[in-house]
């Protein structure tokens, strides 16, 4: 099951692509990173993901696996004997990790993206309030899930850590743009400590985008069209 060449179709700036990259690093799986060019889609991507036509796509022995969280689960199951387990072992803990991962993608990330698109101070203030409300929920989720350990998953980076941690570089860019700390030590002390540990982990550090480089990239993709 674990034999075969591993390739990942993606782009350096995508938080969703970062997820399988961290998972592969945690499992010490060597892989080839096939970078897509922003604004275009390669023939290989369109062939490998004809349904959604988007990154990331994991190619394992030429078989495609799509959607970031599904890929992370696939990596965990395929290389189960290598590295720490990514998904929690207890069924309830697994269910909670999936619940919060869905919340992050469906609600929390939406607010983060809306801020970068927001126009005017009132709109930005409303989005910041929404972000801070979400962060308060995730602070409580961390306390509940971590059970006093360094990560959502306990002693090691796991599914929910990867899910939220993949957005930390974009969160920093948003903080720069807003001139406002969204992860505040006074309001979310546990998340602040967790974020520092996550970013400095050997499985994460090599694939975490640099804030300055990402900020320049954000200016291009969120640039307002000229009238």
C-alpha atoms as a PDB file:
ATOM      1  CA  UNK A   1       0.000   0.000   0.000  1.00  0.00           C
ATOM      2  CA  UNK A   2       2.762   2.426   0.867  1.00  0.00           C
ATOM      3  CA  UNK A   3       4.985   1.622  -2.102  1.00  0.00           C
ATOM      4  CA  UNK A   4       5.036   3.819  -5.188  1.00  0.00           C
ATOM      5  CA  UNK A   5       6.233   7.241  -6.142  1.00  0.00           C
ATOM      6  CA  UNK A   6       4.651  10.180  -4.306  1.00  0.00           C
ATOM      7  CA  UNK A   7       4.007  13.546  -5.947  1.00  0.00           C
ATOM      8  CA  UNK A   8       2.053  16.560  -4.735  1.00  0.00           C
ATOM      9  CA  UNK A   9       0.498  19.064  -7.132  1.00  0.00           C
ATOM     10  CA  UNK A  10       0.241  22.425  -5.415  1.00  0.00           C
ATOM     11  CA  UNK A  11       1.494  25.960  -4.877  1.00  0.00           C
ATOM     12  CA  UNK A  12       3.730  27.383  -2.139  1.00  0.00           C
ATOM     13  CA  UNK A  13       1.239  30.034  -0.992  1.00  0.00           C
ATOM     14  CA  UNK A  14      -1.798  27.776  -0.594  1.00  0.00           C
ATOM     15  CA  UNK A  15      -2.732  26.897   3.008  1.00  0.00           C
ATOM     16  CA  UNK A  16      -4.594  23.862   1.685  1.00  0.00           C
ATOM     17  CA  UNK A  17      -1.456  22.587  -0.049  1.00  0.00           C
ATOM     18  CA  UNK A  18       0.528  23.133   3.133  1.00  0.00           C
ATOM     19  CA  UNK A  19      -1.623  20.540   4.924  1.00  0.00           C
ATOM     20  CA  UNK A  20      -0.449  17.459   2.990  1.00  0.00           C
ATOM     21  CA  UNK A  21       3.117  18.817   2.952  1.00  0.00           C
ATOM     22  CA  UNK A  22       3.155  18.902   6.772  1.00  0.00           C
ATOM     23  CA  UNK A  23       1.543  15.446   6.939  1.00  0.00           C
ATOM     24  CA  UNK A  24       4.126  13.978   4.542  1.00  0.00           C
ATOM     25  CA  UNK A  25       6.923  15.548   6.597  1.00  0.00           C
ATOM     26  CA  UNK A  26       5.487  14.151   9.837  1.00  0.00           C
ATOM     27  CA  UNK A  27       5.478  10.680   8.264  1.00  0.00           C
ATOM     28  CA  UNK A  28       8.953  11.171   6.720  1.00  0.00           C
ATOM     29  CA  UNK A  29       7.570  10.384   3.259  1.00  0.00           C
ATOM     30  CA  UNK A  30       9.750  11.669   0.398  1.00  0.00           C
ATOM     31  CA  UNK A  31       7.761  13.336  -2.372  1.00  0.00           C
ATOM     32  CA  UNK A  32       8.123  15.487  -5.464  1.00  0.00           C
ATOM     33  CA  UNK A  33       6.453  18.904  -5.255  1.00  0.00           C
ATOM     34  CA  UNK A  34       4.915  19.906  -8.590  1.00  0.00           C
ATOM     35  CA  UNK A  35       4.288  23.660  -8.448  1.00  0.00           C
ATOM     36  CA  UNK A  36       1.317  25.114 -10.275  1.00  0.00           C
ATOM     37  CA  UNK A  37       1.571  28.625 -11.706  1.00  0.00           C
ATOM     38  CA  UNK A  38      -0.879  31.142 -10.239  1.00  0.00           C
ATOM     39  CA  UNK A  39      -3.625  31.990 -12.734  1.00  0.00           C
ATOM     40  CA  UNK A  40      -3.285  28.831 -14.816  1.00  0.00           C
ATOM     41  CA  UNK A  41      -3.960  25.109 -14.436  1.00  0.00           C
ATOM     42  CA  UNK A  42      -1.685  22.415 -15.783  1.00  0.00           C
ATOM     43  CA  UNK A  43      -2.883  19.499 -17.896  1.00  0.00           C
ATOM     44  CA  UNK A  44      -1.777  17.164 -15.099  1.00  0.00           C
ATOM     45  CA  UNK A  45      -3.947  19.014 -12.542  1.00  0.00           C
ATOM     46  CA  UNK A  46      -7.025  19.004 -14.804  1.00  0.00           C
ATOM     47  CA  UNK A  47      -6.523  15.310 -15.550  1.00  0.00           C
ATOM     48  CA  UNK A  48      -5.889  14.420 -11.893  1.00  0.00           C
ATOM     49  CA  UNK A  49      -8.789  16.443 -10.427  1.00  0.00           C
ATOM     50  CA  UNK A  50     -11.423  16.743 -13.174  1.00  0.00           C
ATOM     51  CA  UNK A  51     -14.234  17.320 -10.647  1.00  0.00           C
ATOM     52  CA  UNK A  52     -12.963  20.401  -8.762  1.00  0.00           C
ATOM     53  CA  UNK A  53      -9.962  21.288 -10.983  1.00  0.00           C
ATOM     54  CA  UNK A  54      -8.035  22.626  -7.991  1.00  0.00           C
ATOM     55  CA  UNK A  55      -5.013  21.985  -5.791  1.00  0.00           C
ATOM     56  CA  UNK A  56      -3.833  20.101  -3.830  1.00  0.00           C
ATOM     57  CA  UNK A  57      -3.709  16.688  -5.480  1.00  0.00           C
ATOM     58  CA  UNK A  58      -1.618  13.829  -4.109  1.00  0.00           C
ATOM     59  CA  UNK A  59      -0.396  11.347  -6.701  1.00  0.00           C
ATOM     60  CA  UNK A  60       0.518   8.040  -5.112  1.00  0.00           C
ATOM     61  CA  UNK A  61       1.658   5.383  -7.594  1.00  0.00           C
ATOM     62  CA  UNK A  62      -0.091   7.555 -10.235  1.00  0.00           C
ATOM     63  CA  UNK A  63      -3.431   7.382  -8.394  1.00  0.00           C
ATOM     64  CA  UNK A  64      -4.851  10.842  -7.495  1.00  0.00           C
ATOM     65  CA  UNK A  65      -6.259  11.783  -4.079  1.00  0.00           C
ATOM     66  CA  UNK A  66      -7.961  15.202  -3.854  1.00  0.00           C
ATOM     67  CA  UNK A  67      -9.106  17.663  -1.148  1.00  0.00           C
ATOM     68  CA  UNK A  68      -6.622  18.693   1.554  1.00  0.00           C
ATOM     69  CA  UNK A  69      -8.190  17.077   4.633  1.00  0.00           C
ATOM     70  CA  UNK A  70      -8.944  13.863   2.745  1.00  0.00           C
ATOM     71  CA  UNK A  71      -5.307  13.757   1.589  1.00  0.00           C
ATOM     72  CA  UNK A  72      -4.096  14.208   5.186  1.00  0.00           C
ATOM     73  CA  UNK A  73      -6.273  11.285   6.318  1.00  0.00           C
ATOM     74  CA  UNK A  74      -5.024   9.185   3.399  1.00  0.00           C
ATOM     75  CA  UNK A  75      -1.401   9.914   4.334  1.00  0.00           C
ATOM     76  CA  UNK A  76      -2.084   8.985   7.969  1.00  0.00           C
ATOM     77  CA  UNK A  77      -3.690   5.659   7.000  1.00  0.00           C
ATOM     78  CA  UNK A  78      -1.250   4.735   4.225  1.00  0.00           C
ATOM     79  CA  UNK A  79       1.890   5.386   6.260  1.00  0.00           C
ATOM     80  CA  UNK A  80       0.361   4.371   9.604  1.00  0.00           C
ATOM     81  CA  UNK A  81       3.548   2.678  10.813  1.00  0.00           C
ATOM     82  CA  UNK A  82       5.723   5.731  10.147  1.00  0.00           C
ATOM     83  CA  UNK A  83       5.829   8.735  12.483  1.00  0.00           C
ATOM     84  CA  UNK A  84       3.127   9.804  14.942  1.00  0.00           C
ATOM     85  CA  UNK A  85      -0.566   9.180  14.294  1.00  0.00           C
ATOM     86  CA  UNK A  86      -2.170  12.278  12.761  1.00  0.00           C
ATOM     87  CA  UNK A  87      -5.793  11.470  13.597  1.00  0.00           C
ATOM     88  CA  UNK A  88      -6.701  10.914  17.265  1.00  0.00           C
ATOM     89  CA  UNK A  89      -7.034   7.252  18.279  1.00  0.00           C
ATOM     90  CA  UNK A  90     -10.360   7.623  20.149  1.00  0.00           C
ATOM     91  CA  UNK A  91     -13.515   7.812  17.952  1.00  0.00           C
ATOM     92  CA  UNK A  92     -14.937  10.789  19.885  1.00  0.00           C
ATOM     93  CA  UNK A  93     -11.664  12.724  19.642  1.00  0.00           C
ATOM     94  CA  UNK A  94     -11.544  11.968  15.903  1.00  0.00           C
ATOM     95  CA  UNK A  95     -15.110  13.229  15.512  1.00  0.00           C
ATOM     96  CA  UNK A  96     -14.272  16.459  17.379  1.00  0.00           C
ATOM     97  CA  UNK A  97     -11.132  17.014  15.290  1.00  0.00           C
ATOM     98  CA  UNK A  98     -13.173  16.640  12.084  1.00  0.00           C
ATOM     99  CA  UNK A  99     -15.917  18.911  13.449  1.00  0.00           C
ATOM    100  CA  UNK A 100     -13.509  21.747  14.233  1.00  0.00           C
ATOM    101  CA  UNK A 101     -11.606  21.248  10.979  1.00  0.00           C
ATOM    102  CA  UNK A 102     -14.893  21.717   9.111  1.00  0.00           C
ATOM    103  CA  UNK A 103     -15.643  24.843  11.186  1.00  0.00           C
ATOM    104  CA  UNK A 104     -12.223  26.281  10.316  1.00  0.00           C
ATOM    105  CA  UNK A 105     -12.728  25.785   6.579  1.00  0.00           C
ATOM    106  CA  UNK A 106     -16.398  26.755   6.396  1.00  0.00           C
ATOM    107  CA  UNK A 107     -16.562  29.644   8.887  1.00  0.00           C
ATOM    108  CA  UNK A 108     -13.233  30.804  10.296  1.00  0.00           C
ATOM    109  CA  UNK A 109     -11.289  30.931   7.018  1.00  0.00           C
ATOM    110  CA  UNK A 110     -14.203  32.718   5.369  1.00  0.00           C
ATOM    111  CA  UNK A 111     -13.798  35.610   7.825  1.00  0.00           C
ATOM    112  CA  UNK A 112     -10.036  35.726   7.238  1.00  0.00           C
ATOM    113  CA  UNK A 113     -10.548  35.880   3.470  1.00  0.00           C
ATOM    114  CA  UNK A 114     -13.294  38.486   3.816  1.00  0.00           C
ATOM    115  CA  UNK A 115     -10.963  40.810   5.665  1.00  0.00           C
ATOM    116  CA  UNK A 116      -8.438  40.807   2.816  1.00  0.00           C
ATOM    117  CA  UNK A 117     -11.312  41.723   0.474  1.00  0.00           C
ATOM    118  CA  UNK A 118     -12.978  44.222   2.837  1.00  0.00           C
ATOM    119  CA  UNK A 119     -13.406  47.840   1.794  1.00  0.00           C
ATOM    120  CA  UNK A 120     -13.815  50.656   4.305  1.00  0.00           C
ATOM    121  CA  UNK A 121     -13.186  50.805   8.022  1.00  0.00           C
ATOM    122  CA  UNK A 122     -16.676  49.712   9.089  1.00  0.00           C
ATOM    123  CA  UNK A 123     -16.524  46.547   7.003  1.00  0.00           C
ATOM    124  CA  UNK A 124     -13.044  45.759   8.327  1.00  0.00           C
ATOM    125  CA  UNK A 125     -14.155  46.288  11.938  1.00  0.00           C
ATOM    126  CA  UNK A 126     -17.085  43.905  11.422  1.00  0.00           C
ATOM    127  CA  UNK A 127     -14.801  41.211  10.012  1.00  0.00           C
ATOM    128  CA  UNK A 128     -12.267  41.673  12.851  1.00  0.00           C
ATOM    129  CA  UNK A 129     -15.101  41.177  15.374  1.00  0.00           C
ATOM    130  CA  UNK A 130     -16.117  37.996  13.533  1.00  0.00           C
ATOM    131  CA  UNK A 131     -12.497  36.755  13.559  1.00  0.00           C
ATOM    132  CA  UNK A 132     -12.100  37.421  17.275  1.00  0.00           C
ATOM    133  CA  UNK A 133     -15.334  35.558  18.016  1.00  0.00           C
ATOM    134  CA  UNK A 134     -14.029  32.585  16.037  1.00  0.00           C
ATOM    135  CA  UNK A 135     -10.663  32.718  17.800  1.00  0.00           C
ATOM    136  CA  UNK A 136     -12.406  32.615  21.182  1.00  0.00           C
ATOM    137  CA  UNK A 137     -14.226  29.436  20.112  1.00  0.00           C
ATOM    138  CA  UNK A 138     -10.956  27.879  18.908  1.00  0.00           C
ATOM    139  CA  UNK A 139      -9.211  28.846  22.178  1.00  0.00           C
ATOM    140  CA  UNK A 140     -11.818  26.821  24.074  1.00  0.00           C
ATOM    141  CA  UNK A 141     -11.587  23.985  21.535  1.00  0.00           C
ATOM    142  CA  UNK A 142      -7.807  23.865  22.051  1.00  0.00           C
ATOM    143  CA  UNK A 143      -8.183  23.617  25.835  1.00  0.00           C
ATOM    144  CA  UNK A 144     -10.756  20.827  25.447  1.00  0.00           C
ATOM    145  CA  UNK A 145      -8.889  18.853  22.764  1.00  0.00           C
ATOM    146  CA  UNK A 146      -5.300  19.235  24.015  1.00  0.00           C
ATOM    147  CA  UNK A 147      -6.057  18.130  27.584  1.00  0.00           C
ATOM    148  CA  UNK A 148      -3.125  20.193  28.858  1.00  0.00           C
ATOM    149  CA  UNK A 149      -0.676  19.014  26.165  1.00  0.00           C
ATOM    150  CA  UNK A 150       1.152  21.289  23.651  1.00  0.00           C
ATOM    151  CA  UNK A 151      -0.993  20.524  20.590  1.00  0.00           C
ATOM    152  CA  UNK A 152      -4.657  19.962  19.736  1.00  0.00           C
ATOM    153  CA  UNK A 153      -3.638  16.325  19.168  1.00  0.00           C
ATOM    154  CA  UNK A 154      -1.745  16.052  22.466  1.00  0.00           C
ATOM    155  CA  UNK A 155       2.016  15.597  22.467  1.00  0.00           C
ATOM    156  CA  UNK A 156       2.367  15.670  18.684  1.00  0.00           C
ATOM    157  CA  UNK A 157       0.999  17.663  15.758  1.00  0.00           C
ATOM    158  CA  UNK A 158      -2.213  16.084  14.483  1.00  0.00           C
ATOM    159  CA  UNK A 159      -5.177  16.574  12.179  1.00  0.00           C
ATOM    160  CA  UNK A 160      -6.647  19.694  13.781  1.00  0.00           C
ATOM    161  CA  UNK A 161      -3.223  21.258  14.320  1.00  0.00           C
ATOM    162  CA  UNK A 162      -2.550  20.899  10.585  1.00  0.00           C
ATOM    163  CA  UNK A 163      -6.015  22.187   9.689  1.00  0.00           C
ATOM    164  CA  UNK A 164      -5.667  25.457  11.634  1.00  0.00           C
ATOM    165  CA  UNK A 165      -1.885  25.778  11.464  1.00  0.00           C
ATOM    166  CA  UNK A 166      -1.911  25.876   7.675  1.00  0.00           C
ATOM    167  CA  UNK A 167      -3.582  29.316   7.894  1.00  0.00           C
ATOM    168  CA  UNK A 168      -1.088  30.907  10.314  1.00  0.00           C
ATOM    169  CA  UNK A 169       1.004  32.568   7.589  1.00  0.00           C
ATOM    170  CA  UNK A 170      -2.132  34.105   6.076  1.00  0.00           C
ATOM    171  CA  UNK A 171      -3.235  35.175   9.560  1.00  0.00           C
ATOM    172  CA  UNK A 172       0.063  37.056   9.959  1.00  0.00           C
ATOM    173  CA  UNK A 173      -0.478  38.777   6.610  1.00  0.00           C
ATOM    174  CA  UNK A 174      -3.976  39.782   7.733  1.00  0.00           C
ATOM    175  CA  UNK A 175      -2.582  41.175  10.993  1.00  0.00           C
ATOM    176  CA  UNK A 176      -0.080  43.255   9.002  1.00  0.00           C
ATOM    177  CA  UNK A 177      -2.819  44.570   6.734  1.00  0.00           C
ATOM    178  CA  UNK A 178      -5.135  45.327   9.654  1.00  0.00           C
ATOM    179  CA  UNK A 179      -2.414  46.667  11.973  1.00  0.00           C
ATOM    180  CA  UNK A 180      -4.298  44.605  14.541  1.00  0.00           C
ATOM    181  CA  UNK A 181      -3.286  41.490  16.475  1.00  0.00           C
ATOM    182  CA  UNK A 182      -5.868  38.783  15.766  1.00  0.00           C
ATOM    183  CA  UNK A 183      -4.111  36.186  17.914  1.00  0.00           C
ATOM    184  CA  UNK A 184      -3.755  38.138  21.129  1.00  0.00           C
ATOM    185  CA  UNK A 185      -1.919  36.751  24.166  1.00  0.00           C
ATOM    186  CA  UNK A 186      -4.398  38.408  26.520  1.00  0.00           C
ATOM    187  CA  UNK A 187      -7.478  36.955  24.760  1.00  0.00           C
ATOM    188  CA  UNK A 188      -6.156  33.667  23.336  1.00  0.00           C
ATOM    189  CA  UNK A 189      -3.057  32.724  25.371  1.00  0.00           C
ATOM    190  CA  UNK A 190      -3.277  28.995  24.608  1.00  0.00           C
ATOM    191  CA  UNK A 191      -3.576  29.527  20.854  1.00  0.00           C
ATOM    192  CA  UNK A 192      -0.660  31.985  20.867  1.00  0.00           C
ATOM    193  CA  UNK A 193       1.609  29.474  22.594  1.00  0.00           C
ATOM    194  CA  UNK A 194       0.390  26.678  20.317  1.00  0.00           C
ATOM    195  CA  UNK A 195       1.009  28.772  17.172  1.00  0.00           C
ATOM    196  CA  UNK A 196       4.635  29.383  18.148  1.00  0.00           C
ATOM    197  CA  UNK A 197       5.231  25.681  18.800  1.00  0.00           C
ATOM    198  CA  UNK A 198       3.517  24.686  15.562  1.00  0.00           C
ATOM    199  CA  UNK A 199       5.479  27.132  13.384  1.00  0.00           C
ATOM    200  CA  UNK A 200       8.814  26.015  14.848  1.00  0.00           C
ATOM    201  CA  UNK A 201       8.189  22.276  14.466  1.00  0.00           C
ATOM    202  CA  UNK A 202      10.665  20.588  12.069  1.00  0.00           C
ATOM    203  CA  UNK A 203       7.786  19.180   9.994  1.00  0.00           C
ATOM    204  CA  UNK A 204       6.278  22.665   9.564  1.00  0.00           C
ATOM    205  CA  UNK A 205       9.118  25.189   9.394  1.00  0.00           C
ATOM    206  CA  UNK A 206      10.430  24.261   5.901  1.00  0.00           C
ATOM    207  CA  UNK A 207       6.969  24.616   4.295  1.00  0.00           C
ATOM    208  CA  UNK A 208       5.644  27.663   6.206  1.00  0.00           C
ATOM    209  CA  UNK A 209       5.519  30.636   3.775  1.00  0.00           C
ATOM    210  CA  UNK A 210       7.536  33.720   4.728  1.00  0.00           C
ATOM    211  CA  UNK A 211       5.229  36.538   5.843  1.00  0.00           C
ATOM    212  CA  UNK A 212       6.837  39.263   3.674  1.00  0.00           C
ATOM    213  CA  UNK A 213       6.785  37.104   0.544  1.00  0.00           C
ATOM    214  CA  UNK A 214       3.190  36.075   1.195  1.00  0.00           C
ATOM    215  CA  UNK A 215       2.146  39.689   1.820  1.00  0.00           C
ATOM    216  CA  UNK A 216       3.504  40.662  -1.616  1.00  0.00           C
ATOM    217  CA  UNK A 217       1.646  37.748  -3.186  1.00  0.00           C
ATOM    218  CA  UNK A 218      -1.571  38.773  -1.375  1.00  0.00           C
ATOM    219  CA  UNK A 219      -1.338  42.279  -2.868  1.00  0.00           C
ATOM    220  CA  UNK A 220      -1.360  40.768  -6.359  1.00  0.00           C
ATOM    221  CA  UNK A 221      -4.265  38.380  -5.890  1.00  0.00           C
ATOM    222  CA  UNK A 222      -6.432  40.819  -3.917  1.00  0.00           C
ATOM    223  CA  UNK A 223      -5.560  43.866  -6.023  1.00  0.00           C
ATOM    224  CA  UNK A 224      -8.604  46.024  -6.822  1.00  0.00           C
ATOM    225  CA  UNK A 225      -9.266  46.297 -10.568  1.00  0.00           C
ATOM    226  CA  UNK A 226      -8.512  49.692 -12.073  1.00  0.00           C
ATOM    227  CA  UNK A 227     -11.604  51.756 -12.905  1.00  0.00           C
END
